[in-house]
N, C-alpha and C. Protein backbone atom coordinates (compact mmCIF):
# COMPACT_ATOMS: atom_id res chain seq x y z
N MET A 1 17.85 -86.77 -33.62
CA MET A 1 16.56 -86.26 -34.06
C MET A 1 15.51 -85.91 -34.66
N SER A 2 14.50 -86.42 -34.06
CA SER A 2 13.59 -86.81 -35.41
C SER A 2 12.48 -85.47 -35.60
N ILE A 3 11.69 -85.93 -36.53
CA ILE A 3 11.29 -84.35 -37.31
C ILE A 3 9.70 -84.39 -36.58
N ASN A 4 9.05 -83.45 -36.42
CA ASN A 4 7.88 -83.41 -36.12
C ASN A 4 6.94 -83.08 -37.13
N LYS A 5 6.02 -83.70 -37.29
CA LYS A 5 4.90 -84.33 -37.91
C LYS A 5 4.09 -83.07 -38.39
N TYR A 6 3.44 -82.60 -37.09
CA TYR A 6 2.88 -81.64 -37.37
C TYR A 6 3.30 -79.85 -37.70
N LEU A 7 4.76 -79.97 -37.98
CA LEU A 7 5.82 -78.58 -38.17
C LEU A 7 5.93 -78.75 -39.57
N PRO A 8 6.51 -78.15 -40.85
CA PRO A 8 6.92 -78.38 -41.90
C PRO A 8 8.20 -78.71 -41.82
N HIS A 9 7.91 -79.93 -42.74
CA HIS A 9 9.14 -80.98 -42.91
C HIS A 9 9.19 -81.94 -44.01
N LEU A 10 10.54 -82.01 -44.89
CA LEU A 10 10.52 -82.81 -46.13
C LEU A 10 10.80 -84.65 -45.75
N LEU A 11 10.74 -84.87 -46.23
CA LEU A 11 10.85 -86.30 -46.27
C LEU A 11 12.03 -86.80 -47.93
N VAL A 12 12.75 -87.45 -47.60
CA VAL A 12 13.35 -87.74 -49.25
C VAL A 12 13.40 -89.38 -49.25
N LEU A 13 12.99 -89.45 -50.12
CA LEU A 13 12.51 -91.25 -50.51
C LEU A 13 13.92 -91.38 -51.75
N PRO A 14 15.18 -91.90 -51.47
CA PRO A 14 15.80 -92.02 -52.45
C PRO A 14 15.79 -93.72 -53.09
N GLU A 15 16.18 -93.63 -54.06
CA GLU A 15 16.08 -94.74 -55.26
C GLU A 15 16.71 -96.38 -54.58
N ASP A 16 18.53 -95.64 -54.31
CA ASP A 16 19.11 -96.24 -53.93
C ASP A 16 20.39 -96.10 -52.78
N GLU A 17 21.34 -96.95 -52.40
CA GLU A 17 22.29 -95.71 -51.15
C GLU A 17 22.99 -95.14 -51.89
N ALA A 18 23.82 -94.68 -53.27
CA ALA A 18 24.31 -93.99 -54.01
C ALA A 18 23.09 -92.43 -53.42
N ASN A 19 21.92 -92.76 -54.04
CA ASN A 19 21.26 -91.32 -53.35
C ASN A 19 21.41 -90.95 -51.94
N ALA A 20 21.14 -92.08 -50.66
CA ALA A 20 20.95 -92.12 -50.33
C ALA A 20 22.20 -91.22 -49.27
N ASN A 21 23.43 -91.57 -49.74
CA ASN A 21 24.72 -90.68 -49.29
C ASN A 21 24.56 -89.26 -49.64
N ILE A 22 24.35 -89.10 -51.28
CA ILE A 22 24.43 -87.83 -51.51
C ILE A 22 23.22 -86.93 -50.66
N VAL A 23 22.05 -87.35 -49.98
CA VAL A 23 21.27 -86.71 -49.21
C VAL A 23 21.97 -86.86 -47.46
N ASN A 24 22.75 -88.24 -47.45
CA ASN A 24 23.34 -88.10 -46.33
C ASN A 24 24.35 -86.63 -46.13
N GLY A 25 24.92 -85.99 -46.77
CA GLY A 25 25.91 -85.31 -47.16
C GLY A 25 24.62 -84.35 -46.62
N PHE A 26 24.36 -84.18 -47.80
CA PHE A 26 23.17 -82.44 -47.99
C PHE A 26 22.53 -82.18 -46.55
N VAL A 27 22.06 -83.40 -45.93
CA VAL A 27 21.82 -83.43 -44.34
C VAL A 27 22.82 -82.87 -43.51
N LEU A 28 24.26 -83.16 -43.48
CA LEU A 28 25.06 -82.67 -42.71
C LEU A 28 25.33 -81.32 -42.64
N HIS A 29 25.42 -80.40 -43.60
CA HIS A 29 25.50 -79.18 -43.97
C HIS A 29 25.02 -78.14 -42.58
N PRO A 30 26.11 -77.66 -42.07
CA PRO A 30 25.76 -77.52 -40.91
C PRO A 30 24.48 -75.99 -40.85
N GLN A 31 24.29 -75.66 -41.93
CA GLN A 31 23.28 -74.27 -42.11
C GLN A 31 21.46 -75.15 -42.09
N LEU A 32 21.87 -76.39 -42.75
CA LEU A 32 20.19 -77.04 -42.32
C LEU A 32 19.60 -77.61 -41.28
N ASN A 33 18.61 -77.33 -40.82
CA ASN A 33 17.91 -77.63 -39.87
C ASN A 33 17.35 -79.47 -40.04
N ASP A 34 18.00 -80.02 -39.55
CA ASP A 34 18.48 -81.30 -39.15
C ASP A 34 17.12 -82.01 -39.10
N ARG A 35 16.13 -81.37 -38.45
CA ARG A 35 14.98 -81.32 -37.07
C ARG A 35 13.83 -81.37 -38.66
N SER A 36 14.23 -80.82 -39.49
CA SER A 36 13.10 -80.68 -40.75
C SER A 36 13.29 -81.75 -41.78
N ILE A 37 14.36 -82.35 -41.57
CA ILE A 37 14.22 -83.24 -42.78
C ILE A 37 14.34 -84.79 -42.57
N GLN A 38 13.84 -85.70 -43.02
CA GLN A 38 14.30 -87.23 -42.89
C GLN A 38 14.68 -88.54 -44.03
N VAL A 39 15.91 -88.66 -43.97
CA VAL A 39 15.79 -89.50 -44.97
C VAL A 39 15.16 -90.85 -45.26
N LEU A 40 14.93 -90.87 -45.49
CA LEU A 40 13.62 -92.21 -45.80
C LEU A 40 14.98 -93.81 -45.91
N PRO A 41 14.82 -95.16 -45.90
CA PRO A 41 15.56 -95.45 -46.82
C PRO A 41 15.59 -96.24 -47.94
N PRO A 42 16.79 -96.53 -48.55
CA PRO A 42 16.72 -96.75 -49.93
C PRO A 42 15.32 -98.29 -50.51
N ALA A 43 14.67 -97.20 -51.67
CA ALA A 43 13.81 -97.85 -52.25
C ALA A 43 13.71 -99.02 -53.19
N GLY A 44 15.34 -98.99 -53.61
CA GLY A 44 15.69 -100.39 -54.68
C GLY A 44 15.23 -100.13 -55.95
N GLY A 45 15.56 -99.13 -56.53
CA GLY A 45 15.01 -98.83 -57.85
C GLY A 45 14.03 -97.62 -57.82
N TRP A 46 13.94 -97.32 -59.37
CA TRP A 46 13.03 -96.18 -59.57
C TRP A 46 11.48 -96.56 -59.55
N THR A 47 11.32 -97.50 -59.92
CA THR A 47 9.80 -97.70 -59.67
C THR A 47 9.34 -97.81 -58.47
N ALA A 48 9.88 -98.93 -57.61
CA ALA A 48 9.69 -98.94 -56.14
C ALA A 48 9.90 -97.72 -55.46
N VAL A 49 10.27 -96.30 -55.62
CA VAL A 49 9.95 -95.19 -55.58
C VAL A 49 8.43 -94.79 -55.57
N VAL A 50 7.88 -94.92 -57.00
CA VAL A 50 6.80 -94.54 -57.02
C VAL A 50 6.28 -95.64 -56.18
N GLU A 51 6.42 -96.95 -56.53
CA GLU A 51 5.08 -97.68 -55.31
C GLU A 51 5.22 -97.57 -54.16
N LYS A 52 6.07 -96.96 -53.64
CA LYS A 52 6.25 -96.55 -52.15
C LYS A 52 5.66 -95.43 -51.68
N PHE A 53 6.10 -94.51 -52.82
CA PHE A 53 5.23 -93.01 -52.17
C PHE A 53 3.66 -93.24 -52.26
N GLU A 54 3.50 -93.96 -53.28
CA GLU A 54 1.33 -94.37 -53.51
C GLU A 54 1.27 -94.97 -52.50
N LYS A 55 1.70 -96.16 -52.11
CA LYS A 55 1.35 -96.74 -51.23
C LYS A 55 1.35 -96.76 -49.25
N SER A 56 2.62 -95.93 -49.67
CA SER A 56 2.76 -96.18 -47.91
C SER A 56 3.13 -93.98 -47.72
N TYR A 57 3.25 -93.23 -48.82
CA TYR A 57 3.31 -92.15 -48.17
C TYR A 57 2.31 -90.84 -48.94
N VAL A 58 1.49 -91.34 -49.52
CA VAL A 58 0.26 -90.44 -50.08
C VAL A 58 -0.55 -90.41 -49.04
N PRO A 59 -1.55 -90.99 -48.35
CA PRO A 59 -2.27 -91.13 -47.48
C PRO A 59 -1.90 -90.07 -46.04
N LYS A 60 -0.32 -90.29 -45.51
CA LYS A 60 0.00 -89.70 -44.68
C LYS A 60 0.37 -87.90 -45.21
N MET A 61 0.74 -88.12 -46.44
CA MET A 61 0.40 -86.35 -47.01
C MET A 61 -0.69 -85.85 -46.28
N ARG A 62 -1.46 -86.66 -46.89
CA ARG A 62 -3.17 -86.42 -47.01
C ARG A 62 -3.31 -85.76 -45.30
N GLN A 63 -2.80 -86.53 -44.52
CA GLN A 63 -2.85 -86.32 -42.76
C GLN A 63 -1.82 -85.48 -42.75
N TYR A 64 -0.82 -84.90 -43.28
CA TYR A 64 0.34 -84.01 -42.74
C TYR A 64 -0.01 -83.35 -43.45
N SER A 65 -0.45 -81.64 -43.69
CA SER A 65 -0.16 -81.06 -44.82
C SER A 65 1.15 -80.09 -44.94
N ASP A 66 1.38 -80.26 -44.11
CA ASP A 66 3.43 -79.37 -44.04
C ASP A 66 3.82 -80.31 -44.44
N ARG A 67 3.84 -81.53 -44.58
CA ARG A 67 4.75 -82.72 -45.25
C ARG A 67 5.00 -82.45 -46.72
N TYR A 68 6.27 -82.65 -46.95
CA TYR A 68 6.52 -82.14 -48.25
C TYR A 68 7.55 -83.54 -48.57
N MET A 69 7.91 -83.97 -49.43
CA MET A 69 8.29 -84.69 -49.94
C MET A 69 9.32 -84.47 -51.53
N VAL A 70 10.45 -85.28 -51.36
CA VAL A 70 11.67 -85.78 -52.59
C VAL A 70 11.29 -86.95 -52.84
N LEU A 71 11.06 -87.34 -53.99
CA LEU A 71 11.02 -88.61 -54.60
C LEU A 71 12.80 -88.38 -55.72
N LEU A 72 13.63 -88.78 -55.06
CA LEU A 72 15.11 -89.05 -55.40
C LEU A 72 14.97 -90.09 -56.82
N ILE A 73 15.34 -89.78 -57.63
CA ILE A 73 15.69 -91.30 -58.52
C ILE A 73 16.61 -90.72 -59.43
N ASP A 74 17.00 -91.73 -60.48
CA ASP A 74 18.10 -91.87 -61.36
C ASP A 74 17.17 -91.65 -62.90
N PHE A 75 17.58 -90.55 -63.17
CA PHE A 75 16.79 -90.53 -64.60
C PHE A 75 17.24 -90.87 -65.56
N ASP A 76 18.23 -91.83 -65.95
CA ASP A 76 19.31 -93.23 -66.69
C ASP A 76 18.71 -92.38 -67.88
N THR A 77 19.65 -91.01 -68.24
CA THR A 77 19.27 -90.15 -69.15
C THR A 77 17.82 -91.20 -69.98
N LYS A 78 16.53 -90.99 -69.67
CA LYS A 78 15.16 -91.23 -70.05
C LYS A 78 14.19 -89.57 -69.93
N ASP A 79 14.11 -89.56 -71.24
CA ASP A 79 13.88 -88.24 -71.17
C ASP A 79 12.22 -88.51 -70.46
N ASN A 80 11.65 -89.43 -70.72
CA ASN A 80 9.60 -89.55 -70.42
C ASN A 80 9.67 -89.59 -68.62
N ARG A 81 11.10 -89.75 -68.25
CA ARG A 81 11.25 -90.64 -66.63
C ARG A 81 10.31 -89.58 -65.63
N PHE A 82 10.30 -88.63 -66.00
CA PHE A 82 9.94 -87.62 -65.49
C PHE A 82 8.53 -87.39 -65.37
N GLU A 83 8.11 -87.37 -66.41
CA GLU A 83 6.70 -87.26 -66.98
C GLU A 83 6.04 -88.49 -65.81
N TYR A 84 6.58 -89.80 -66.41
CA TYR A 84 6.19 -90.67 -65.76
C TYR A 84 5.41 -90.35 -64.24
N VAL A 85 6.64 -90.49 -63.74
CA VAL A 85 6.70 -89.84 -62.19
C VAL A 85 5.83 -88.91 -61.86
N SER A 86 5.75 -87.98 -62.68
CA SER A 86 5.09 -87.06 -62.20
C SER A 86 3.15 -87.29 -62.23
N LYS A 87 3.05 -87.91 -63.23
CA LYS A 87 1.59 -88.65 -62.95
C LYS A 87 1.22 -89.61 -62.30
N ARG A 88 2.46 -90.09 -61.68
CA ARG A 88 1.38 -90.94 -60.48
C ARG A 88 1.41 -89.86 -58.99
N ILE A 89 2.20 -88.79 -58.98
CA ILE A 89 1.68 -87.91 -58.14
C ILE A 89 0.16 -87.40 -58.16
N PRO A 90 -0.86 -87.88 -57.44
CA PRO A 90 -1.90 -87.41 -57.13
C PRO A 90 -2.17 -85.45 -57.28
N ASP A 91 -2.71 -85.16 -58.01
CA ASP A 91 -2.72 -83.67 -57.97
C ASP A 91 -2.81 -82.90 -57.20
N ASP A 92 -3.68 -83.37 -56.07
CA ASP A 92 -4.14 -82.88 -54.68
C ASP A 92 -2.52 -82.99 -53.64
N LEU A 93 -1.68 -83.58 -54.37
CA LEU A 93 -0.50 -83.46 -53.62
C LEU A 93 1.16 -82.65 -54.43
N LYS A 94 0.70 -82.89 -56.00
CA LYS A 94 1.77 -81.86 -56.65
C LYS A 94 2.71 -81.38 -56.22
N SER A 95 1.88 -79.83 -55.45
CA SER A 95 2.67 -78.88 -55.06
C SER A 95 3.61 -79.51 -54.03
N ARG A 96 3.34 -80.52 -53.31
CA ARG A 96 4.48 -80.65 -51.75
C ARG A 96 5.37 -81.80 -52.43
N VAL A 97 5.35 -82.48 -53.88
CA VAL A 97 6.14 -83.38 -53.59
C VAL A 97 6.77 -82.79 -55.09
N PHE A 98 8.27 -83.38 -55.23
CA PHE A 98 9.49 -82.69 -55.97
C PHE A 98 10.15 -84.04 -56.84
N ILE A 99 10.38 -84.05 -58.14
CA ILE A 99 10.74 -85.35 -58.18
C ILE A 99 12.99 -84.77 -58.44
N LEU A 100 13.61 -85.08 -57.87
CA LEU A 100 15.03 -84.74 -58.39
C LEU A 100 16.01 -86.30 -58.63
N GLY A 101 16.65 -86.35 -59.02
CA GLY A 101 17.53 -86.68 -59.68
C GLY A 101 18.88 -86.44 -60.33
N VAL A 102 19.87 -87.50 -60.64
CA VAL A 102 21.07 -86.93 -61.64
C VAL A 102 20.19 -87.39 -62.68
N LEU A 103 21.27 -86.73 -63.89
CA LEU A 103 20.65 -87.37 -64.83
C LEU A 103 20.65 -88.65 -65.42
N ASP A 104 22.03 -89.22 -65.24
CA ASP A 104 22.00 -90.80 -65.71
C ASP A 104 22.65 -91.51 -64.07
N GLU A 105 23.57 -91.49 -64.05
CA GLU A 105 23.16 -92.39 -62.44
C GLU A 105 24.23 -91.31 -61.12
N PRO A 106 24.28 -91.60 -60.31
CA PRO A 106 25.10 -91.08 -59.10
C PRO A 106 26.45 -90.62 -59.21
N GLU A 107 26.76 -92.24 -59.85
CA GLU A 107 27.77 -93.06 -60.16
C GLU A 107 29.20 -92.22 -61.20
N ASP A 108 28.03 -92.11 -62.33
CA ASP A 108 29.07 -90.79 -63.21
C ASP A 108 28.96 -89.31 -62.77
N LEU A 109 28.02 -88.22 -61.91
CA LEU A 109 28.38 -87.18 -60.85
C LEU A 109 29.86 -87.67 -60.34
N ARG A 110 29.72 -88.64 -59.46
CA ARG A 110 30.74 -89.10 -58.31
C ARG A 110 32.10 -88.92 -59.29
N LYS A 111 32.18 -89.41 -60.76
CA LYS A 111 33.36 -89.71 -61.42
C LYS A 111 33.77 -88.17 -61.78
N THR A 112 32.77 -87.78 -61.99
CA THR A 112 32.88 -86.45 -63.23
C THR A 112 33.27 -85.63 -62.25
N LEU A 113 33.13 -85.78 -60.51
CA LEU A 113 33.18 -84.30 -60.43
C LEU A 113 34.98 -84.50 -58.99
N GLY A 114 35.01 -86.20 -59.01
CA GLY A 114 36.15 -86.74 -58.36
C GLY A 114 36.06 -86.44 -57.09
N LYS A 115 34.20 -86.81 -56.79
CA LYS A 115 34.11 -86.05 -54.47
C LYS A 115 33.38 -87.18 -54.57
N SER A 116 33.28 -87.57 -53.33
CA SER A 116 32.24 -88.69 -52.28
C SER A 116 30.88 -88.09 -52.77
N PHE A 117 29.91 -89.16 -52.50
CA PHE A 117 28.74 -88.63 -52.71
C PHE A 117 27.74 -87.80 -51.22
N GLU A 118 28.56 -88.13 -49.84
CA GLU A 118 28.92 -87.17 -49.17
C GLU A 118 29.16 -85.54 -49.63
N SER A 119 30.11 -85.30 -50.06
CA SER A 119 30.47 -84.17 -50.26
C SER A 119 29.97 -83.49 -51.72
N ILE A 120 29.28 -84.08 -52.52
CA ILE A 120 28.38 -84.14 -53.49
C ILE A 120 27.13 -82.84 -52.91
N GLY A 121 26.88 -84.05 -51.83
CA GLY A 121 25.84 -83.49 -50.72
C GLY A 121 25.72 -82.24 -50.55
N ASP A 122 26.94 -82.24 -49.41
CA ASP A 122 27.15 -80.86 -48.93
C ASP A 122 27.23 -79.97 -49.79
N ASN A 123 27.74 -80.73 -50.96
CA ASN A 123 28.37 -78.83 -51.59
C ASN A 123 26.86 -77.98 -52.38
N LEU A 124 25.84 -79.49 -52.94
CA LEU A 124 24.56 -78.64 -52.73
C LEU A 124 24.14 -78.36 -51.96
N ALA A 125 23.71 -78.64 -50.67
CA ALA A 125 23.44 -78.16 -49.72
C ALA A 125 23.71 -76.19 -49.49
N ALA A 126 25.17 -76.48 -49.80
CA ALA A 126 25.87 -74.94 -49.34
C ALA A 126 25.22 -74.12 -50.55
N ASN A 127 25.14 -74.71 -51.93
CA ASN A 127 24.67 -73.78 -53.01
C ASN A 127 22.96 -73.57 -52.81
N CYS A 128 22.28 -74.58 -52.04
CA CYS A 128 21.41 -73.60 -52.03
C CYS A 128 20.88 -72.76 -50.70
N ALA A 129 21.67 -73.21 -49.42
CA ALA A 129 21.91 -72.39 -48.19
C ALA A 129 22.25 -71.32 -48.82
N ASP A 130 23.78 -70.63 -50.14
CA ASP A 130 24.27 -69.67 -49.93
C ASP A 130 23.52 -69.10 -51.61
N ASN A 131 22.07 -69.36 -51.95
CA ASN A 131 21.51 -69.02 -53.29
C ASN A 131 22.37 -68.80 -54.42
N THR A 132 23.21 -70.12 -54.55
CA THR A 132 23.64 -70.31 -56.09
C THR A 132 23.80 -71.65 -56.33
N ASN A 133 24.28 -71.71 -57.90
CA ASN A 133 23.49 -72.83 -58.42
C ASN A 133 24.72 -73.33 -59.18
N GLU A 134 25.82 -73.41 -58.40
CA GLU A 134 27.43 -73.57 -59.23
C GLU A 134 27.62 -75.06 -59.59
N LEU A 135 26.96 -75.85 -58.47
CA LEU A 135 27.08 -77.22 -58.46
C LEU A 135 25.52 -77.70 -59.42
N TRP A 136 24.74 -76.86 -59.26
CA TRP A 136 23.39 -77.31 -59.93
C TRP A 136 23.06 -77.22 -61.45
N GLU A 137 24.07 -76.24 -61.71
CA GLU A 137 23.94 -76.07 -62.96
C GLU A 137 24.94 -77.23 -63.95
N HIS A 138 25.26 -78.49 -63.28
CA HIS A 138 26.59 -79.26 -63.74
C HIS A 138 25.47 -79.69 -64.83
N GLN A 139 26.03 -80.50 -66.00
CA GLN A 139 25.13 -81.20 -66.92
C GLN A 139 24.40 -82.61 -66.68
N LEU A 140 24.81 -82.87 -65.63
CA LEU A 140 23.89 -83.44 -64.95
C LEU A 140 23.18 -83.71 -63.88
N LEU A 141 22.98 -82.09 -63.81
CA LEU A 141 21.83 -82.07 -62.45
C LEU A 141 21.51 -80.98 -63.19
N LYS A 142 21.36 -79.82 -63.83
CA LYS A 142 20.67 -78.89 -64.33
C LYS A 142 19.32 -79.00 -64.86
N HIS A 143 19.04 -80.30 -65.13
CA HIS A 143 17.64 -80.55 -65.80
C HIS A 143 16.90 -80.34 -64.61
N ASN A 144 17.24 -80.36 -63.10
CA ASN A 144 16.50 -80.22 -61.80
C ASN A 144 16.16 -78.52 -61.67
N GLU A 145 16.15 -77.50 -62.49
CA GLU A 145 16.36 -76.35 -62.45
C GLU A 145 14.82 -75.92 -61.67
N THR A 146 13.44 -76.48 -63.41
CA THR A 146 12.33 -75.85 -62.53
C THR A 146 11.98 -76.35 -61.22
N GLU A 147 12.58 -78.14 -60.64
CA GLU A 147 11.69 -78.52 -59.22
C GLU A 147 12.20 -78.03 -58.74
N LEU A 148 14.05 -77.18 -58.68
CA LEU A 148 14.75 -76.71 -57.58
C LEU A 148 14.25 -75.58 -57.41
N LYS A 149 13.33 -75.01 -58.08
CA LYS A 149 12.84 -73.60 -57.75
C LYS A 149 11.69 -73.60 -57.68
N ARG A 150 10.58 -74.36 -57.88
CA ARG A 150 9.70 -74.39 -57.26
C ARG A 150 9.75 -75.21 -55.55
N MET A 151 10.77 -75.68 -55.62
CA MET A 151 10.87 -76.71 -54.07
C MET A 151 11.67 -75.42 -53.43
N ALA A 152 12.47 -74.52 -53.79
CA ALA A 152 13.53 -73.39 -53.09
C ALA A 152 12.40 -72.82 -52.12
N ALA A 153 11.34 -72.09 -53.21
CA ALA A 153 10.26 -71.38 -52.63
C ALA A 153 9.56 -71.67 -51.77
N LEU A 154 8.81 -73.45 -51.68
CA LEU A 154 7.95 -73.85 -50.21
C LEU A 154 9.11 -74.28 -49.28
N VAL A 155 10.06 -75.11 -49.49
CA VAL A 155 10.83 -75.63 -48.80
C VAL A 155 12.41 -74.67 -47.80
N LYS A 156 12.66 -73.98 -48.62
CA LYS A 156 13.76 -73.55 -47.49
C LYS A 156 13.56 -72.64 -46.71
N PRO A 157 12.54 -71.86 -46.48
CA PRO A 157 12.00 -71.30 -45.16
C PRO A 157 12.43 -71.79 -44.22
N PHE A 158 12.09 -73.33 -43.94
CA PHE A 158 12.34 -74.02 -43.03
C PHE A 158 13.44 -75.43 -43.15
N LEU A 159 14.27 -75.53 -44.15
CA LEU A 159 14.91 -75.89 -44.49
C LEU A 159 16.48 -75.85 -43.45
N PHE A 160 16.27 -74.40 -44.26
CA PHE A 160 17.81 -73.56 -43.97
C PHE A 160 17.97 -72.87 -42.82
N ASN A 161 18.97 -72.74 -42.01
CA ASN A 161 18.52 -71.79 -40.87
C ASN A 161 19.52 -70.48 -41.09
C-alpha cells in the first residue's frame, strides 16, 4: 500500500541499510497505520541524507503541508552532528522534520541488545504505541528524547491505530 500525500503522512529517509532494516521492523508493528508511513531507499551516508533531503524533499514538503519527515542517521558519537543537520533544515519546515538515530552505529545497538534490526524496530514501535520508553531510554537511543517528544505530539495521532 502507498501513502496518500494529501493526508498526514511520514517519510523516513534512512542513512544506510541497517537503519532501513530498523524502520522496516517499526513499520511491521501491528498497531501502526502502514498507509501513513513510507520508508525511502537508504541515502548512503549521513551527508547524503542531508543532501537528498535538501534537493529532493524540501520542495515537496512545501507542496504537501501534511508531510512529515524523519532523517534517520548514525550520530557516530559526534556531538555536533545533530546541530549540523538541524541547521540545514529550512526554518519553515523545522516543525515537520525530525532527526533521529543511534548515538554511534546501529550495529552497536544490535550487538548490545542481541536482537535483529527488525526486532529492534518492532520494539521501538511497541514503545511508541504503548506510551513507554523502555528501549528508547537505552544509552544508545536516549539522546533522541527531545525529538521524540516533539514528534509524538504531531505524528502519533495518524501513525498508530
